[in-house]
Amino acid sequence: MSVDATDPELIKTFKDVCELKTKTNWVVYDFVEDPDKPGKFTKKLEVGGSGEGGHPELMAALKEDRVQFGGLLVVGVDHRDNVTSHRPKFVACTWIGPKVKVMAKARVSVQKREVFQKVFDPAGGISLEIDVSDADDFDKVSIAKALLKSGGAHKPTHYDFGDGEEYDLKQLD
């Protein structure tokens, strides 16, 4: 199965997230529903949603009966004395909703590789990749822990998930 990721909006929307020139901080990609077969999906990928509300908006865009791919900007914020630094992190998730049928689940590994190669990589790449089938596994705590594991020696003091709140990493101690 070859994913049709030819729509230029796919890369443009993730670039909007990555380039920090816009306020867009998340995107979700969906497979287009087959108009002749309700509940079935084509190989064509489309932008299913994007916005400026960060993690909560991204979570609201994930559907129980879909395989979706999401991108989220998380900013590592480091408050030290009189200096504050911001380091952007780009988190990609592969969402397999709890009501996705078995055959659709079986195709995800191939689809994921293609989506990452055709959309995420050309748009600037990612800092962290997470596979999710339960919304509880993609909460702020889980993402923060995974980002810390994947990061280098420098540890920020907070993560900003784009919703106006900073998640204090002292909460993880």
Protein backbone atom coordinates (compact mmCIF):
# COMPACT_ATOMS: atom_id res chain seq x y z
CA MET A 1 0.00 0.00 0.00
CA SER A 2 1.52 3.26 -1.08
CA VAL A 3 0.35 6.35 0.77
CA ASP A 4 -0.65 9.22 -1.51
CA ALA A 5 1.01 12.21 0.16
CA THR A 6 1.07 14.44 -2.92
CA ASP A 7 -1.04 17.27 -1.49
CA PRO A 8 1.42 20.16 -0.92
CA GLU A 9 -0.62 21.26 2.11
CA LEU A 10 0.68 18.22 4.01
CA ILE A 11 4.28 19.43 4.13
CA LYS A 12 3.32 23.10 4.28
CA THR A 13 1.21 22.59 7.41
CA PHE A 14 3.95 20.69 9.27
CA LYS A 15 6.46 23.35 8.17
CA ASP A 16 4.15 25.93 9.74
CA VAL A 17 4.49 24.00 13.00
CA CYS A 18 8.27 23.60 12.68
CA GLU A 19 9.35 27.00 11.42
CA LEU A 20 7.96 28.91 14.39
CA LYS A 21 6.92 31.75 12.08
CA THR A 22 3.25 31.08 12.63
CA LYS A 23 1.26 30.33 15.77
CA THR A 24 0.31 26.91 14.40
CA ASN A 25 1.61 24.35 16.91
CA TRP A 26 -0.09 21.08 15.93
CA VAL A 27 -1.35 19.18 12.91
CA VAL A 28 -3.24 15.92 12.35
CA TYR A 29 -3.25 13.98 9.10
CA ASP A 30 -6.13 11.70 8.09
CA PHE A 31 -6.75 9.30 5.26
CA VAL A 32 -9.55 10.53 3.00
CA GLU A 33 -12.79 8.62 3.47
CA ASP A 34 -13.90 6.73 0.39
CA PRO A 35 -17.10 8.46 -0.84
CA ASP A 36 -18.39 5.19 -2.32
CA LYS A 37 -17.73 3.13 0.82
CA PRO A 38 -18.63 4.89 4.07
CA GLY A 39 -16.31 3.82 6.90
CA LYS A 40 -13.56 2.85 4.42
CA PHE A 41 -10.57 5.01 3.65
CA THR A 42 -8.49 5.68 0.56
CA LYS A 43 -4.68 5.81 0.40
CA LYS A 44 -4.79 9.60 0.05
CA LEU A 45 -3.59 11.61 3.04
CA GLU A 46 -5.08 15.01 3.90
CA VAL A 47 -4.72 17.60 6.61
CA GLY A 48 -7.41 16.62 9.11
CA GLY A 49 -6.82 19.61 11.35
CA SER A 50 -4.29 22.06 12.69
CA GLY A 51 -4.33 24.90 15.16
CA GLU A 52 -2.79 27.11 17.79
CA GLY A 53 -4.16 25.45 20.94
CA GLY A 54 -1.41 22.89 21.42
CA HIS A 55 -1.75 19.50 23.07
CA PRO A 56 -5.44 19.76 24.12
CA GLU A 57 -6.55 20.66 20.58
CA LEU A 58 -4.47 17.89 19.06
CA MET A 59 -5.99 15.37 21.45
CA ALA A 60 -9.49 16.56 20.59
CA ALA A 61 -8.75 15.99 16.88
CA LEU A 62 -7.88 12.30 17.34
CA LYS A 63 -10.75 9.99 16.41
CA GLU A 64 -11.50 6.60 17.93
CA ASP A 65 -12.14 4.90 14.58
CA ARG A 66 -9.16 6.28 12.66
CA VAL A 67 -5.49 5.82 12.00
CA GLN A 68 -4.03 9.32 12.14
CA PHE A 69 -0.63 10.94 12.22
CA GLY A 70 -0.01 14.00 14.34
CA GLY A 71 2.69 16.58 14.82
CA LEU A 72 3.02 18.71 17.96
CA LEU A 73 5.40 21.53 18.83
CA VAL A 74 6.62 21.29 22.43
CA VAL A 75 9.02 23.98 23.59
CA GLY A 76 11.66 23.20 26.20
CA VAL A 77 11.84 26.30 28.38
CA ASP A 78 14.82 26.87 30.61
CA HIS A 79 14.51 29.57 33.28
CA ARG A 80 17.95 30.11 34.85
CA ASP A 81 18.77 33.21 36.86
CA ASN A 82 18.11 36.11 34.49
CA VAL A 83 18.23 34.11 31.24
CA THR A 84 15.41 32.18 29.59
CA SER A 85 16.02 29.95 26.60
CA HIS A 86 13.48 28.20 24.37
CA ARG A 87 14.27 25.00 22.47
CA PRO A 88 11.63 23.68 20.09
CA LYS A 89 10.91 19.95 20.01
CA PHE A 90 8.75 18.35 17.35
CA VAL A 91 6.78 15.34 18.50
CA ALA A 92 5.19 13.03 15.94
CA CYS A 93 2.54 10.53 16.94
CA THR A 94 0.98 7.63 15.14
CA TRP A 95 -2.55 7.30 16.50
CA ILE A 96 -4.41 4.01 16.18
CA GLY A 97 -7.84 4.64 17.64
CA PRO A 98 -9.33 1.95 19.90
CA LYS A 99 -12.11 1.25 17.38
CA VAL A 100 -9.80 0.76 14.37
CA LYS A 101 -10.38 -2.58 12.65
CA VAL A 102 -7.69 -5.28 12.71
CA MET A 103 -6.78 -5.05 9.01
CA ALA A 104 -6.35 -1.28 9.25
CA LYS A 105 -4.07 -1.77 12.27
CA ALA A 106 -1.99 -4.25 10.29
CA ARG A 107 -1.21 -1.65 7.61
CA VAL A 108 0.01 1.02 10.02
CA SER A 109 3.69 0.07 10.13
CA VAL A 110 4.04 0.49 6.35
CA GLN A 111 1.88 3.63 6.27
CA LYS A 112 3.82 5.19 9.13
CA ARG A 113 7.17 4.76 7.39
CA GLU A 114 5.80 6.38 4.23
CA VAL A 115 4.15 9.28 6.05
CA PHE A 116 7.34 10.03 7.96
CA GLN A 117 9.45 9.86 4.78
CA LYS A 118 7.03 11.88 2.64
CA VAL A 119 5.75 14.45 5.14
CA PHE A 120 7.66 14.80 8.40
CA ASP A 121 11.24 14.39 7.08
CA PRO A 122 10.98 16.89 4.18
CA ALA A 123 9.28 19.41 6.46
CA GLY A 124 12.15 19.53 8.94
CA GLY A 125 12.15 16.27 10.86
CA ILE A 126 11.07 15.34 14.35
CA SER A 127 12.59 15.17 17.83
CA LEU A 128 10.47 12.34 19.16
CA GLU A 129 8.16 9.69 17.75
CA ILE A 130 5.41 8.09 19.83
CA ASP A 131 2.95 5.33 18.87
CA VAL A 132 -0.39 5.80 20.61
CA SER A 133 -3.54 3.70 20.85
CA ASP A 134 -4.75 5.01 24.20
CA ALA A 135 -5.12 8.74 24.83
CA ASP A 136 -3.73 8.26 28.34
CA ASP A 137 -0.39 7.26 26.78
CA PHE A 138 -0.10 10.64 25.05
CA ASP A 139 -0.62 12.93 28.01
CA LYS A 140 1.80 15.71 28.96
CA VAL A 141 3.58 13.60 31.57
CA SER A 142 4.26 10.77 29.11
CA ILE A 143 5.51 13.18 26.45
CA ALA A 144 7.70 15.06 28.95
CA LYS A 145 9.28 11.82 30.18
CA ALA A 146 9.93 10.63 26.63
CA LEU A 147 11.46 13.98 25.62
CA LEU A 148 13.76 13.91 28.64
CA LYS A 149 14.91 10.38 27.75
CA SER A 150 15.61 11.38 24.15
CA GLY A 151 17.37 14.63 25.02
CA GLY A 152 21.00 15.30 25.72
CA ALA A 153 22.68 16.46 28.88
CA HIS A 154 20.76 19.73 28.98
CA LYS A 155 17.47 19.48 30.86
CA PRO A 156 14.93 22.32 30.59
CA THR A 157 13.01 23.51 33.63
CA HIS A 158 9.61 23.43 31.87
CA TYR A 159 7.87 22.22 28.75
CA ASP A 160 5.32 24.39 26.96
CA PHE A 161 2.70 22.26 25.21
CA GLY A 162 1.20 25.21 23.34
CA ASP A 163 -1.88 25.65 25.50
CA GLY A 164 -0.62 28.58 27.56
CA GLU A 165 0.54 26.46 30.48
CA GLU A 166 4.07 25.38 31.26
CA TYR A 167 4.58 21.89 32.62
CA ASP A 168 7.16 22.13 35.43
CA LEU A 169 9.60 19.21 35.20
CA LYS A 170 10.01 19.21 38.98
CA GLN A 171 6.66 17.41 38.98
CA LEU A 172 8.45 14.37 37.52
CA ASP A 173 10.90 14.02 40.41
